[in-house]
Amino acid sequence: MKVAVLATDGVEQVELDRPWQALEEAGAEPELVSLESGSITAYDHIDKGDTRKVDAVVSSADPDAYGALVLPGGVINGDFVRADSDAVAFVTSFFDAGKPVAAICHAPWVLIEAGVVKGRRMTSWPSLQTDLRNAGADWVDEEVVVDGNLITSRKPDDLDAFSAAIVEEFAREDEEEPAV
């Protein structure tokens, strides 16, 4: 399965790297989709981290080419991605198609902007709970929450559970896909 990982400058590095590694170890093909071509700079909280090469630009990326979507966190990343109309449309297309989506930390801001959280049970970085509740989500304080095709998690400390849920749910989806 090819998996889109949507992120830009300011992404929390560990929230990009750990799920990416888990996907690769499970045989998936993650691709970094971003707002612009070139590379992005990840962060370790407020300190600049490593750069990552962008595989596809969201404005021209085809959501049908991917079986699932991962939205890593980071305050800067979440805010920049939710402000980009092409990124929001890209995210929305995964929900419209019923494909699995995973979001951690501040990434649920993007889901709010996409209008896909109403009636969903989910979690996030604690400071987003009011935003999520105001958008109609049932926010809970748990390390990982699976609600249908949506997987959410709170923070880097939850990455083991988040990555395991991603691998399990994405594998389930991949098994259900008819052979083309």
C-alpha atoms as a PDB file:
ATOM      1  CA  MET A   1       0.000   0.000   0.000  1.00  0.00           C
ATOM      2  CA  LYS A   2       1.221   3.493  -0.843  1.00  0.00           C
ATOM      3  CA  VAL A   3       0.593   5.891   2.077  1.00  0.00           C
ATOM      4  CA  ALA A   4       0.569   9.686   1.846  1.00  0.00           C
ATOM      5  CA  VAL A   5       2.251  11.429   4.765  1.00  0.00           C
ATOM      6  CA  LEU A   6       1.155  15.071   4.605  1.00  0.00           C
ATOM      7  CA  ALA A   7       3.543  17.478   6.329  1.00  0.00           C
ATOM      8  CA  THR A   8       5.411  20.741   5.907  1.00  0.00           C
ATOM      9  CA  ASP A   9       8.059  22.791   7.704  1.00  0.00           C
ATOM     10  CA  GLY A  10       7.633  22.560  11.455  1.00  0.00           C
ATOM     11  CA  VAL A  11       6.464  18.957  11.535  1.00  0.00           C
ATOM     12  CA  GLU A  12       7.374  17.227  14.796  1.00  0.00           C
ATOM     13  CA  GLN A  13      10.264  15.036  13.617  1.00  0.00           C
ATOM     14  CA  VAL A  14       9.568  12.024  15.812  1.00  0.00           C
ATOM     15  CA  GLU A  15       5.889  12.083  14.758  1.00  0.00           C
ATOM     16  CA  LEU A  16       7.020  11.946  11.128  1.00  0.00           C
ATOM     17  CA  ASP A  17       9.844   9.428  11.515  1.00  0.00           C
ATOM     18  CA  ARG A  18       8.370   6.787  13.836  1.00  0.00           C
ATOM     19  CA  PRO A  19       5.118   6.132  11.910  1.00  0.00           C
ATOM     20  CA  TRP A  20       7.102   6.258   8.643  1.00  0.00           C
ATOM     21  CA  GLN A  21       9.464   3.583   9.958  1.00  0.00           C
ATOM     22  CA  ALA A  22       6.564   1.424  11.183  1.00  0.00           C
ATOM     23  CA  LEU A  23       4.896   1.677   7.777  1.00  0.00           C
ATOM     24  CA  GLU A  24       8.086   0.705   5.951  1.00  0.00           C
ATOM     25  CA  GLU A  25       8.693  -2.227   8.311  1.00  0.00           C
ATOM     26  CA  ALA A  26       5.140  -3.427   7.576  1.00  0.00           C
ATOM     27  CA  GLY A  27       5.797  -3.308   3.825  1.00  0.00           C
ATOM     28  CA  ALA A  28       3.944  -0.060   3.035  1.00  0.00           C
ATOM     29  CA  GLU A  29       5.363   2.679   0.819  1.00  0.00           C
ATOM     30  CA  PRO A  30       5.123   6.053   2.570  1.00  0.00           C
ATOM     31  CA  GLU A  31       5.510   9.186   0.452  1.00  0.00           C
ATOM     32  CA  LEU A  32       6.035  12.678   1.809  1.00  0.00           C
ATOM     33  CA  VAL A  33       3.387  14.993   0.377  1.00  0.00           C
ATOM     34  CA  SER A  34       3.912  18.678   1.171  1.00  0.00           C
ATOM     35  CA  LEU A  35       2.795  22.178   0.302  1.00  0.00           C
ATOM     36  CA  GLU A  36       5.828  22.893  -1.912  1.00  0.00           C
ATOM     37  CA  SER A  37       8.516  20.898  -3.710  1.00  0.00           C
ATOM     38  CA  GLY A  38      12.059  20.479  -2.424  1.00  0.00           C
ATOM     39  CA  SER A  39      12.443  19.610   1.219  1.00  0.00           C
ATOM     40  CA  ILE A  40      10.902  20.387   4.592  1.00  0.00           C
ATOM     41  CA  THR A  41      12.526  21.033   7.948  1.00  0.00           C
ATOM     42  CA  ALA A  42      11.312  18.935  10.859  1.00  0.00           C
ATOM     43  CA  TYR A  43      11.461  20.147  14.446  1.00  0.00           C
ATOM     44  CA  ASP A  44      12.211  18.621  17.831  1.00  0.00           C
ATOM     45  CA  HIS A  45       9.662  20.679  19.753  1.00  0.00           C
ATOM     46  CA  ILE A  46      10.985  24.228  19.149  1.00  0.00           C
ATOM     47  CA  ASP A  47      14.447  23.287  17.838  1.00  0.00           C
ATOM     48  CA  LYS A  48      15.133  22.721  14.155  1.00  0.00           C
ATOM     49  CA  GLY A  49      15.725  19.099  13.267  1.00  0.00           C
ATOM     50  CA  ASP A  50      16.504  17.233  10.072  1.00  0.00           C
ATOM     51  CA  THR A  51      15.313  17.984   6.570  1.00  0.00           C
ATOM     52  CA  ARG A  52      13.241  15.538   4.523  1.00  0.00           C
ATOM     53  CA  LYS A  53      12.877  15.353   0.739  1.00  0.00           C
ATOM     54  CA  VAL A  54       9.361  15.994  -0.562  1.00  0.00           C
ATOM     55  CA  ASP A  55       8.020  13.247  -2.861  1.00  0.00           C
ATOM     56  CA  ALA A  56       4.877  15.031  -4.101  1.00  0.00           C
ATOM     57  CA  VAL A  57       3.282  18.470  -3.936  1.00  0.00           C
ATOM     58  CA  VAL A  58      -0.234  18.390  -2.519  1.00  0.00           C
ATOM     59  CA  SER A  59      -1.685  20.707  -5.183  1.00  0.00           C
ATOM     60  CA  SER A  60      -0.884  18.118  -7.867  1.00  0.00           C
ATOM     61  CA  ALA A  61      -0.907  14.893  -5.822  1.00  0.00           C
ATOM     62  CA  ASP A  62      -3.595  12.364  -6.743  1.00  0.00           C
ATOM     63  CA  PRO A  63      -5.378  11.083  -3.616  1.00  0.00           C
ATOM     64  CA  ASP A  64      -6.475   8.021  -5.602  1.00  0.00           C
ATOM     65  CA  ALA A  65      -2.804   6.959  -5.797  1.00  0.00           C
ATOM     66  CA  TYR A  66      -2.753   6.379  -2.025  1.00  0.00           C
ATOM     67  CA  GLY A  67      -4.497   3.824   0.136  1.00  0.00           C
ATOM     68  CA  ALA A  68      -4.221   5.796   3.379  1.00  0.00           C
ATOM     69  CA  LEU A  69      -3.113   9.103   4.892  1.00  0.00           C
ATOM     70  CA  VAL A  70      -0.948   9.996   7.905  1.00  0.00           C
ATOM     71  CA  LEU A  71      -0.977  13.491   9.400  1.00  0.00           C
ATOM     72  CA  PRO A  72       1.983  13.997  11.764  1.00  0.00           C
ATOM     73  CA  GLY A  73       1.818  16.761  14.337  1.00  0.00           C
ATOM     74  CA  GLY A  74       3.746  19.825  15.301  1.00  0.00           C
ATOM     75  CA  VAL A  75       2.172  23.200  16.071  1.00  0.00           C
ATOM     76  CA  ILE A  76       3.713  24.948  13.063  1.00  0.00           C
ATOM     77  CA  ASN A  77       2.992  22.035  10.725  1.00  0.00           C
ATOM     78  CA  GLY A  78      -0.634  21.693  11.803  1.00  0.00           C
ATOM     79  CA  ASP A  79      -1.287  25.402  11.435  1.00  0.00           C
ATOM     80  CA  PHE A  80       0.366  25.703   8.001  1.00  0.00           C
ATOM     81  CA  VAL A  81      -1.335  22.586   6.615  1.00  0.00           C
ATOM     82  CA  ARG A  82      -4.814  23.598   7.793  1.00  0.00           C
ATOM     83  CA  ALA A  83      -4.385  27.009   6.133  1.00  0.00           C
ATOM     84  CA  ASP A  84      -3.652  25.464   2.713  1.00  0.00           C
ATOM     85  CA  SER A  85      -6.834  24.853   0.698  1.00  0.00           C
ATOM     86  CA  ASP A  86      -5.187  22.176  -1.486  1.00  0.00           C
ATOM     87  CA  ALA A  87      -4.068  20.283   1.627  1.00  0.00           C
ATOM     88  CA  VAL A  88      -7.542  20.475   3.162  1.00  0.00           C
ATOM     89  CA  ALA A  89      -9.120  19.217  -0.080  1.00  0.00           C
ATOM     90  CA  PHE A  90      -6.566  16.391  -0.212  1.00  0.00           C
ATOM     91  CA  VAL A  91      -7.469  15.333   3.346  1.00  0.00           C
ATOM     92  CA  THR A  92     -11.195  15.593   2.646  1.00  0.00           C
ATOM     93  CA  SER A  93     -10.855  13.280  -0.351  1.00  0.00           C
ATOM     94  CA  PHE A  94      -9.608  10.448   1.892  1.00  0.00           C
ATOM     95  CA  PHE A  95     -12.708  10.741   4.061  1.00  0.00           C
ATOM     96  CA  ASP A  96     -14.988  10.967   1.009  1.00  0.00           C
ATOM     97  CA  ALA A  97     -13.423   7.724  -0.268  1.00  0.00           C
ATOM     98  CA  GLY A  98     -13.649   6.008   3.145  1.00  0.00           C
ATOM     99  CA  LYS A  99      -9.876   5.497   3.305  1.00  0.00           C
ATOM    100  CA  PRO A 100      -8.051   5.296   6.642  1.00  0.00           C
ATOM    101  CA  VAL A 101      -6.589   8.489   8.080  1.00  0.00           C
ATOM    102  CA  ALA A 102      -4.257   8.783  11.076  1.00  0.00           C
ATOM    103  CA  ALA A 103      -3.543  12.061  12.900  1.00  0.00           C
ATOM    104  CA  ILE A 104      -1.437  12.809  15.970  1.00  0.00           C
ATOM    105  CA  CYS A 105      -0.856  15.766  18.261  1.00  0.00           C
ATOM    106  CA  HIS A 106      -1.770  19.070  16.493  1.00  0.00           C
ATOM    107  CA  ALA A 107      -2.720  17.400  13.177  1.00  0.00           C
ATOM    108  CA  PRO A 108      -6.438  17.214  14.088  1.00  0.00           C
ATOM    109  CA  TRP A 109      -6.548  20.957  13.380  1.00  0.00           C
ATOM    110  CA  VAL A 110      -6.439  19.921   9.724  1.00  0.00           C
ATOM    111  CA  LEU A 111      -9.364  17.541  10.280  1.00  0.00           C
ATOM    112  CA  ILE A 112     -11.393  20.363  11.840  1.00  0.00           C
ATOM    113  CA  GLU A 113     -10.684  22.544   8.814  1.00  0.00           C
ATOM    114  CA  ALA A 114     -11.732  19.670   6.530  1.00  0.00           C
ATOM    115  CA  GLY A 115     -15.056  19.415   8.396  1.00  0.00           C
ATOM    116  CA  VAL A 116     -14.695  15.701   9.163  1.00  0.00           C
ATOM    117  CA  VAL A 117     -14.689  15.520  12.983  1.00  0.00           C
ATOM    118  CA  LYS A 118     -18.378  15.987  13.844  1.00  0.00           C
ATOM    119  CA  GLY A 119     -19.653  12.933  15.718  1.00  0.00           C
ATOM    120  CA  ARG A 120     -16.202  11.302  15.784  1.00  0.00           C
ATOM    121  CA  ARG A 121     -14.580   9.977  18.964  1.00  0.00           C
ATOM    122  CA  MET A 122     -10.988  11.167  18.939  1.00  0.00           C
ATOM    123  CA  THR A 123      -7.996  12.496  20.841  1.00  0.00           C
ATOM    124  CA  SER A 124      -5.221  15.038  20.251  1.00  0.00           C
ATOM    125  CA  TRP A 125      -2.710  17.222  22.013  1.00  0.00           C
ATOM    126  CA  PRO A 126      -4.723  18.459  25.036  1.00  0.00           C
ATOM    127  CA  SER A 127      -4.803  22.101  23.930  1.00  0.00           C
ATOM    128  CA  LEU A 128      -6.915  21.122  20.890  1.00  0.00           C
ATOM    129  CA  GLN A 129      -9.718  19.548  22.928  1.00  0.00           C
ATOM    130  CA  THR A 130     -11.865  22.703  22.962  1.00  0.00           C
ATOM    131  CA  ASP A 131     -11.390  23.199  19.206  1.00  0.00           C
ATOM    132  CA  LEU A 132     -12.377  19.586  18.554  1.00  0.00           C
ATOM    133  CA  ARG A 133     -15.382  19.694  20.867  1.00  0.00           C
ATOM    134  CA  ASN A 134     -16.535  22.961  19.275  1.00  0.00           C
ATOM    135  CA  ALA A 135     -16.297  21.242  15.879  1.00  0.00           C
ATOM    136  CA  GLY A 136     -18.534  18.417  17.162  1.00  0.00           C
ATOM    137  CA  ALA A 137     -16.017  15.728  18.095  1.00  0.00           C
ATOM    138  CA  ASP A 138     -16.196  13.607  21.236  1.00  0.00           C
ATOM    139  CA  TRP A 139     -12.698  14.351  22.601  1.00  0.00           C
ATOM    140  CA  VAL A 140     -11.169  11.807  25.011  1.00  0.00           C
ATOM    141  CA  ASP A 141      -7.814  11.676  26.781  1.00  0.00           C
ATOM    142  CA  GLU A 142      -6.473   8.306  25.579  1.00  0.00           C
ATOM    143  CA  GLU A 143      -3.174   7.357  23.947  1.00  0.00           C
ATOM    144  CA  VAL A 144      -4.820   6.170  20.735  1.00  0.00           C
ATOM    145  CA  VAL A 145      -8.430   6.192  19.528  1.00  0.00           C
ATOM    146  CA  VAL A 146      -9.758   4.278  16.530  1.00  0.00           C
ATOM    147  CA  ASP A 147     -13.166   5.455  15.288  1.00  0.00           C
ATOM    148  CA  GLY A 148     -13.987   3.725  12.025  1.00  0.00           C
ATOM    149  CA  ASN A 149     -11.402   4.812   9.473  1.00  0.00           C
ATOM    150  CA  LEU A 150      -9.941   7.520  11.767  1.00  0.00           C
ATOM    151  CA  ILE A 151      -6.986   6.909  14.086  1.00  0.00           C
ATOM    152  CA  THR A 152      -5.917   9.684  16.462  1.00  0.00           C
ATOM    153  CA  SER A 153      -3.287  10.009  19.147  1.00  0.00           C
ATOM    154  CA  ARG A 154      -2.117  12.656  21.613  1.00  0.00           C
ATOM    155  CA  LYS A 155       1.665  13.082  21.637  1.00  0.00           C
ATOM    156  CA  PRO A 156       5.123  11.599  21.041  1.00  0.00           C
ATOM    157  CA  ASP A 157       4.845   9.454  24.190  1.00  0.00           C
ATOM    158  CA  ASP A 158       1.969   7.622  22.456  1.00  0.00           C
ATOM    159  CA  LEU A 159       3.872   6.800  19.258  1.00  0.00           C
ATOM    160  CA  ASP A 160       4.233   3.069  19.964  1.00  0.00           C
ATOM    161  CA  ALA A 161       0.452   2.667  20.276  1.00  0.00           C
ATOM    162  CA  PHE A 162      -0.221   5.081  17.392  1.00  0.00           C
ATOM    163  CA  SER A 163       2.189   3.317  15.038  1.00  0.00           C
ATOM    164  CA  ALA A 164       0.809  -0.112  15.964  1.00  0.00           C
ATOM    165  CA  ALA A 165      -2.757   1.084  15.311  1.00  0.00           C
ATOM    166  CA  ILE A 166      -1.720   2.541  11.949  1.00  0.00           C
ATOM    167  CA  VAL A 167      -0.100  -0.696  10.839  1.00  0.00           C
ATOM    168  CA  GLU A 168      -3.078  -2.774  12.011  1.00  0.00           C
ATOM    169  CA  GLU A 169      -5.791  -0.561  10.513  1.00  0.00           C
ATOM    170  CA  PHE A 170      -3.958   0.129   7.256  1.00  0.00           C
ATOM    171  CA  ALA A 171      -3.252  -3.599   6.803  1.00  0.00           C
ATOM    172  CA  ARG A 172      -6.948  -4.327   7.365  1.00  0.00           C
ATOM    173  CA  GLU A 173      -7.858  -1.751   4.703  1.00  0.00           C
ATOM    174  CA  ASP A 174      -5.239  -3.111   2.309  1.00  0.00           C
ATOM    175  CA  GLU A 175      -6.705  -6.645   2.661  1.00  0.00           C
ATOM    176  CA  GLU A 176     -10.184  -5.325   1.882  1.00  0.00           C
ATOM    177  CA  GLU A 177      -9.101  -3.539  -1.313  1.00  0.00           C
ATOM    178  CA  PRO A 178     -10.035  -5.520  -4.440  1.00  0.00           C
ATOM    179  CA  ALA A 179      -7.132  -6.490  -6.691  1.00  0.00           C
ATOM    180  CA  VAL A 180      -6.828  -4.263  -9.748  1.00  0.00           C
END
